[in-house]
Protein backbone atom coordinates (compact mmCIF):
# COMPACT_ATOMS: atom_id res chain seq x y z
CA MET A 1 0.29 -0.04 -0.16
CA ALA A 2 1.10 3.49 -1.23
CA GLN A 3 1.91 5.85 1.68
CA LEU A 4 2.78 9.83 2.10
CA LYS A 5 5.89 10.74 3.91
CA ASP A 6 4.96 12.03 7.31
CA HIS A 7 1.22 11.75 6.64
CA GLU A 8 0.28 7.79 6.41
CA GLY A 9 -3.70 6.44 6.35
CA ALA A 10 -6.15 6.78 4.15
CA VAL A 11 -6.41 9.62 1.60
CA GLY A 12 -9.81 11.37 1.83
CA PHE A 13 -11.06 12.23 -1.68
CA ILE A 14 -14.48 14.88 -1.60
CA GLY A 15 -16.56 15.34 -5.14
CA LEU A 16 -16.82 12.57 -7.37
CA GLY A 17 -18.46 14.55 -10.51
CA ASN A 18 -16.93 14.16 -14.08
CA MET A 19 -13.12 15.17 -13.06
CA GLY A 20 -13.45 13.62 -9.33
CA ALA A 21 -14.35 10.25 -10.06
CA PRO A 22 -10.95 9.68 -12.64
CA MET A 23 -9.01 11.61 -10.52
CA ALA A 24 -9.58 9.75 -7.41
CA ALA A 25 -9.62 6.18 -9.50
CA ASN A 26 -6.51 7.62 -10.71
CA VAL A 27 -5.35 7.59 -7.21
CA LEU A 28 -6.56 4.74 -5.63
CA ALA A 29 -4.89 2.94 -8.75
CA ALA A 30 -1.59 4.34 -7.73
CA GLY A 31 -1.61 2.06 -4.47
CA PHE A 32 -3.15 4.86 -1.85
CA GLU A 33 -5.31 3.75 0.54
CA MET A 34 -8.54 5.82 -0.19
CA VAL A 35 -11.88 7.38 1.89
CA VAL A 36 -14.49 8.64 -0.40
CA PHE A 37 -17.79 11.20 -0.28
CA ASN A 38 -20.05 12.69 -2.88
CA ARG A 39 -23.22 13.74 -2.15
CA THR A 40 -24.60 11.90 -4.85
CA THR A 41 -23.90 7.91 -3.19
CA SER A 42 -24.01 6.17 -6.42
CA LYS A 43 -21.27 8.25 -7.73
CA ALA A 44 -19.09 6.37 -5.23
CA GLU A 45 -20.02 2.58 -5.77
CA PRO A 46 -17.15 2.46 -9.05
CA LEU A 47 -14.26 3.15 -6.80
CA VAL A 48 -16.04 0.91 -3.89
CA ALA A 49 -15.66 -1.36 -5.93
CA LYS A 50 -12.05 -1.44 -6.79
CA GLY A 51 -11.37 -0.94 -2.76
CA ALA A 52 -12.12 2.92 -1.70
CA ARG A 53 -14.03 2.96 1.34
CA ARG A 54 -17.17 5.56 1.04
CA VAL A 55 -18.45 7.75 4.21
CA GLU A 56 -21.53 8.93 5.13
CA ARG A 57 -20.41 12.62 6.34
CA ALA A 58 -17.73 14.48 4.26
CA GLY A 59 -16.20 15.33 7.08
CA ASP A 60 -15.54 11.40 7.87
CA ALA A 61 -13.19 11.75 4.60
CA ALA A 62 -10.89 14.00 6.38
CA ARG A 63 -8.22 12.99 9.95
CA PRO A 64 -5.65 14.93 12.02
CA ASN A 65 -2.33 14.86 10.06
CA GLY A 66 -4.16 12.97 7.40
CA VAL A 67 -4.68 14.48 3.31
CA THR A 68 -7.56 15.45 2.01
CA ILE A 69 -8.72 15.90 -1.75
CA THR A 70 -11.55 18.02 -2.56
CA MET A 71 -13.18 18.47 -5.94
CA VAL A 72 -16.39 20.40 -5.73
CA ALA A 73 -18.02 22.73 -7.91
CA ASP A 74 -17.78 26.21 -7.19
CA ASP A 75 -16.21 28.77 -4.48
CA ALA A 76 -19.73 28.17 -1.76
CA ALA A 77 -19.03 24.05 -1.69
CA LEU A 78 -15.54 24.84 -0.66
CA GLU A 79 -16.16 27.60 1.83
CA GLU A 80 -18.65 25.18 3.36
CA LEU A 81 -16.48 22.34 3.09
CA VAL A 82 -13.58 24.15 5.20
CA LEU A 83 -15.61 26.13 7.74
CA GLY A 84 -19.14 24.99 7.47
CA GLU A 85 -20.40 22.19 9.29
CA PRO A 86 -18.00 19.10 7.68
CA ALA A 87 -14.77 21.62 9.13
CA LEU A 88 -12.20 20.30 7.78
CA ALA A 89 -9.90 23.04 8.90
CA ARG A 90 -10.57 21.86 12.33
CA ARG A 91 -10.97 17.80 11.22
CA MET A 92 -7.91 17.97 9.68
CA ALA A 93 -5.68 19.29 12.41
CA PRO A 94 -2.90 19.00 13.40
CA GLY A 95 -0.77 18.78 10.73
CA GLY A 96 -3.45 17.85 7.83
CA ILE A 97 -3.11 18.75 4.29
CA HIS A 98 -5.87 19.97 2.43
CA LEU A 99 -5.32 19.73 -1.22
CA SER A 100 -7.73 21.71 -3.00
CA MET A 101 -7.98 21.07 -6.67
CA SER A 102 -11.48 22.75 -7.40
CA THR A 103 -11.42 26.02 -9.74
CA VAL A 104 -11.79 28.92 -7.15
CA ALA A 105 -11.21 32.43 -6.79
CA PRO A 106 -7.89 33.35 -6.01
CA ALA A 107 -9.13 34.94 -2.95
CA THR A 108 -11.20 32.24 -1.45
CA SER A 109 -7.73 30.04 -1.54
CA ARG A 110 -6.14 33.06 0.39
CA ARG A 111 -8.94 33.40 3.09
CA LEU A 112 -9.52 29.57 3.11
CA ALA A 113 -5.62 29.09 3.85
CA ARG A 114 -5.49 31.31 6.53
CA ALA A 115 -8.41 29.18 8.38
CA HIS A 116 -6.42 26.57 7.66
CA ALA A 117 -3.37 27.91 9.16
CA ASP A 118 -5.37 29.67 12.44
CA ALA A 119 -6.71 25.80 13.11
CA GLY A 120 -3.30 23.87 12.71
CA SER A 121 -3.84 22.63 9.24
CA VAL A 122 -2.59 23.20 5.98
CA TYR A 123 -3.77 24.78 2.88
CA VAL A 124 -2.42 23.94 -0.86
CA ALA A 125 -4.04 24.73 -3.65
CA ALA A 126 -3.81 22.97 -7.03
CA PRO A 127 -6.17 23.71 -9.77
CA VAL A 128 -6.35 21.29 -12.86
CA PHE A 129 -6.19 21.51 -16.52
CA GLY A 130 -7.90 19.16 -18.57
CA ARG A 131 -11.30 17.09 -19.20
CA PRO A 132 -12.74 14.39 -18.00
CA ASP A 133 -11.10 12.16 -20.45
CA ALA A 134 -7.67 13.59 -19.67
CA ALA A 135 -8.45 12.93 -16.51
CA ALA A 136 -8.34 9.14 -17.13
CA ALA A 137 -5.41 9.49 -18.96
CA LYS A 138 -3.70 10.84 -16.32
CA ARG A 139 -2.90 13.79 -18.59
CA LEU A 140 -4.06 16.72 -16.43
CA SER A 141 -1.76 19.73 -16.12
CA ILE A 142 -1.46 20.75 -12.29
CA CYS A 143 -0.65 24.19 -11.00
CA THR A 144 0.25 24.02 -7.36
CA SER A 145 1.20 27.14 -4.76
CA GLY A 146 0.76 26.80 -0.64
CA PRO A 147 3.98 26.02 1.65
CA GLU A 148 6.54 23.77 -0.15
CA ARG A 149 7.01 21.02 2.35
CA ALA A 150 2.96 20.53 2.25
CA LYS A 151 3.09 20.18 -1.76
CA ALA A 152 6.27 18.52 -1.41
CA ALA A 153 4.91 15.75 0.51
CA VAL A 154 1.71 15.42 -1.62
CA ARG A 155 3.63 15.55 -4.78
CA PRO A 156 3.02 11.48 -5.26
CA LEU A 157 -0.67 12.33 -5.38
CA LEU A 158 -0.53 14.60 -7.83
CA ASP A 159 1.84 12.68 -10.11
CA ALA A 160 -0.86 10.21 -9.43
CA MET A 161 -3.26 12.54 -11.55
CA GLY A 162 -1.69 14.46 -13.98
CA GLN A 163 1.29 14.41 -16.33
CA ARG A 164 2.69 17.59 -15.30
CA VAL A 165 3.15 20.09 -12.25
CA PHE A 166 3.68 23.79 -12.46
CA ASP A 167 4.25 25.29 -9.61
CA PHE A 168 3.88 29.30 -8.64
CA ALA A 169 5.17 29.15 -5.03
CA GLU A 170 3.43 30.01 -1.27
CA ASP A 171 0.98 32.54 -2.04
CA PRO A 172 -2.49 29.93 -1.72
CA GLY A 173 -4.07 32.22 -4.63
CA ALA A 174 -1.70 31.97 -7.50
CA ALA A 175 -2.47 29.04 -9.09
CA ASN A 176 -6.04 29.47 -9.13
CA VAL A 177 -4.90 33.11 -10.59
CA VAL A 178 -2.89 30.81 -13.56
CA LYS A 179 -6.40 28.49 -13.43
CA VAL A 180 -8.42 30.93 -13.70
CA SER A 181 -6.61 33.11 -16.62
CA GLY A 182 -6.25 29.95 -18.54
CA ASN A 183 -10.03 29.29 -18.58
CA PHE A 184 -10.93 33.24 -19.40
CA LEU A 185 -8.27 32.36 -22.62
CA ILE A 186 -10.54 29.04 -23.67
CA ALA A 187 -13.78 30.44 -23.25
CA ALA A 188 -12.56 33.95 -25.42
CA ALA A 189 -11.03 31.22 -27.89
CA LEU A 190 -14.52 29.19 -28.18
CA GLU A 191 -15.90 32.70 -29.30
CA ALA A 192 -13.42 33.36 -31.56
CA ILE A 193 -13.85 30.30 -33.19
CA GLY A 194 -17.74 30.50 -33.14
CA GLU A 195 -17.34 33.88 -35.13
CA ALA A 196 -14.58 32.87 -37.39
CA LEU A 197 -16.86 29.52 -38.57
CA ALA A 198 -20.07 31.20 -38.56
CA MET A 199 -18.24 33.92 -41.05
CA VAL A 200 -17.22 31.07 -42.88
CA GLU A 201 -20.10 29.02 -42.95
CA LYS A 202 -21.73 32.56 -44.46
CA SER A 203 -19.63 32.81 -47.48
CA GLY A 204 -20.06 28.86 -48.41
CA VAL A 205 -17.34 27.49 -47.32
CA ASP A 206 -17.08 23.77 -45.40
CA ARG A 207 -16.53 25.05 -41.80
CA VAL A 208 -15.29 21.10 -40.75
CA ALA A 209 -12.55 21.81 -43.48
CA ALA A 210 -11.50 25.48 -42.50
CA ILE A 211 -11.42 23.95 -38.80
CA GLU A 212 -9.34 21.10 -39.72
CA MET A 213 -6.43 23.22 -41.93
CA LEU A 214 -6.47 26.04 -38.95
CA SER A 215 -5.82 23.61 -36.33
CA SER A 216 -3.29 21.79 -37.82
CA THR A 217 -1.20 24.77 -39.03
CA LEU A 218 -1.44 28.24 -37.47
CA PHE A 219 -3.79 27.27 -34.62
CA ALA A 220 -2.40 23.71 -33.72
CA CYS A 221 -3.25 23.38 -30.00
CA PRO A 222 -5.46 21.42 -27.66
CA VAL A 223 -8.17 24.16 -27.26
CA TYR A 224 -8.42 24.63 -31.26
CA GLN A 225 -8.33 20.58 -32.49
CA GLY A 226 -10.71 19.82 -29.25
CA TYR A 227 -13.07 22.85 -29.22
CA GLY A 228 -12.89 23.52 -33.14
CA ALA A 229 -13.92 20.45 -34.29
CA ALA A 230 -16.95 20.28 -31.69
CA ILE A 231 -18.22 23.49 -32.52
CA ALA A 232 -17.58 22.73 -36.63
CA HIS A 233 -19.77 19.53 -35.71
CA GLN A 234 -21.85 20.74 -33.55
CA ARG A 235 -21.29 18.64 -30.92
CA PHE A 236 -22.33 19.69 -27.61
CA THR A 237 -23.44 17.11 -25.60
CA PRO A 238 -22.80 14.73 -23.41
CA ALA A 239 -21.13 17.77 -21.57
CA GLY A 240 -17.15 17.73 -20.20
CA PHE A 241 -17.72 21.06 -19.00
CA ARG A 242 -20.95 22.77 -18.09
CA MET A 243 -22.37 25.78 -19.75
CA ALA A 244 -23.37 26.90 -16.34
CA LEU A 245 -19.28 26.27 -14.69
CA GLY A 246 -17.90 28.49 -17.92
CA LEU A 247 -20.19 31.37 -16.89
CA LYS A 248 -18.95 30.84 -12.86
CA ASP A 249 -14.86 30.77 -14.25
CA VAL A 250 -15.58 33.91 -16.45
CA GLU A 251 -17.28 35.85 -14.01
CA LEU A 252 -14.03 34.48 -11.34
CA ALA A 253 -11.62 36.28 -14.22
CA LEU A 254 -13.79 39.15 -14.23
CA ARG A 255 -13.48 39.06 -10.36
CA ASN A 256 -10.04 39.07 -9.69
CA GLY A 257 -9.09 41.23 -12.84
CA ALA A 258 -11.24 44.09 -10.74
CA GLU A 259 -9.31 43.53 -7.53
CA VAL A 260 -6.55 43.93 -9.63
CA LYS A 261 -7.75 47.01 -11.48
CA ALA A 262 -6.83 45.04 -14.77
CA PRO A 263 -9.72 45.33 -17.19
CA MET A 264 -10.79 42.78 -18.89
CA PRO A 265 -12.99 43.63 -21.47
CA THR A 266 -13.09 40.52 -23.91
CA ALA A 267 -14.25 38.64 -20.39
CA SER A 268 -17.11 40.98 -20.33
CA LEU A 269 -18.75 40.49 -24.14
CA VAL A 270 -18.09 36.39 -22.98
CA ARG A 271 -19.96 36.73 -20.31
CA ASP A 272 -22.98 38.13 -22.05
CA ARG A 273 -22.53 34.99 -24.28
CA PHE A 274 -22.79 32.47 -21.35
CA LEU A 275 -25.57 34.49 -20.33
CA SER A 276 -27.24 34.42 -23.06
CA ALA A 277 -26.68 30.59 -23.54
CA LEU A 278 -28.02 29.58 -20.42
CA ALA A 279 -31.12 32.12 -21.09
CA LYS A 280 -31.99 29.63 -23.91
CA GLY A 281 -31.70 26.80 -21.86
CA ARG A 282 -28.18 25.52 -22.66
CA GLY A 283 -26.98 25.24 -19.10
CA GLU A 284 -26.71 21.59 -20.08
CA MET A 285 -24.85 21.88 -22.71
CA ASP A 286 -21.09 21.60 -23.02
CA TRP A 287 -19.35 25.42 -22.71
CA SER A 288 -18.07 25.38 -26.31
CA ALA A 289 -21.98 25.94 -27.29
CA VAL A 290 -21.39 29.37 -26.76
CA ALA A 291 -19.94 29.35 -30.08
CA LEU A 292 -24.09 29.14 -30.83
CA GLY A 293 -24.38 32.72 -30.37
CA ALA A 294 -22.16 33.89 -32.99
CA PHE A 295 -23.88 31.67 -35.59
CA GLU A 296 -27.28 32.85 -34.57
CA ASP A 297 -26.06 36.27 -35.17
CA ALA A 298 -25.25 35.67 -38.56
CA GLY A 299 -28.59 34.25 -39.29
CA LEU A 300 -27.71 30.33 -39.00
CA LYS A 301 -29.65 27.91 -37.66
CA PRO A 302 -28.52 25.93 -34.37
CA PRO A 303 -28.50 22.43 -34.02
CA GLY A 304 -31.63 20.36 -32.99
């Protein structure tokens, strides 16, 4: 059974959604004993079948001097875990490490890091880049920030879940700044791809052929290749990352930009596109469906 230096016992994992479930499966496959919690208990069953232990309460996934990983939807859910009824900050003291892998505001990470420190535990930010298929294949890129000793202690867990780890020093909000900026760039690319392909189609050119050329030459990168194909083929379900979460992340970028007085006019435009998509009932579609706004503006009928 794999063990973490100075932290014996089962690793806790809270949040088994589209991303959390494959990430937890990879930690389990790496030989770590695991305790898991998810509000929808059925989502824990595949991990239980592989040897994990399911607990009834989130707080039971944390213990003194242990390591607990969280992968939850938003700031409110994370704050409730740390400060509310589960009280991870207190339950993990003394010496426990909370490995927070959710996409949250930098200010939230800093606030929760202080709460952990006050309680005698440690907070490490480790948000990830990658969709569920990348999580399953251990191809995530992971950004980290927080105390050096704690980051070193959890490194085997990060290696079990991702292909590369990028560290951004000790400020607990730094990794989240990078994550929020990256998701803003993806959202802006979705809008740009939609506008370009709407123009291509209105000009009588095959949009699939156009994106295949563009994403294999000038824009030969995962965002343009993966999302470009999805937009060109109008494949927006099942959602790898839901529209509502896309709006949340763009709003995180705008909030952080306002806090540091860095104007983000493109983010404001994209935020309105997401709001429009949600108003049209597309909340459960993949966030790449935000590109449909550009097609509709051009008088092109959306799929379905």
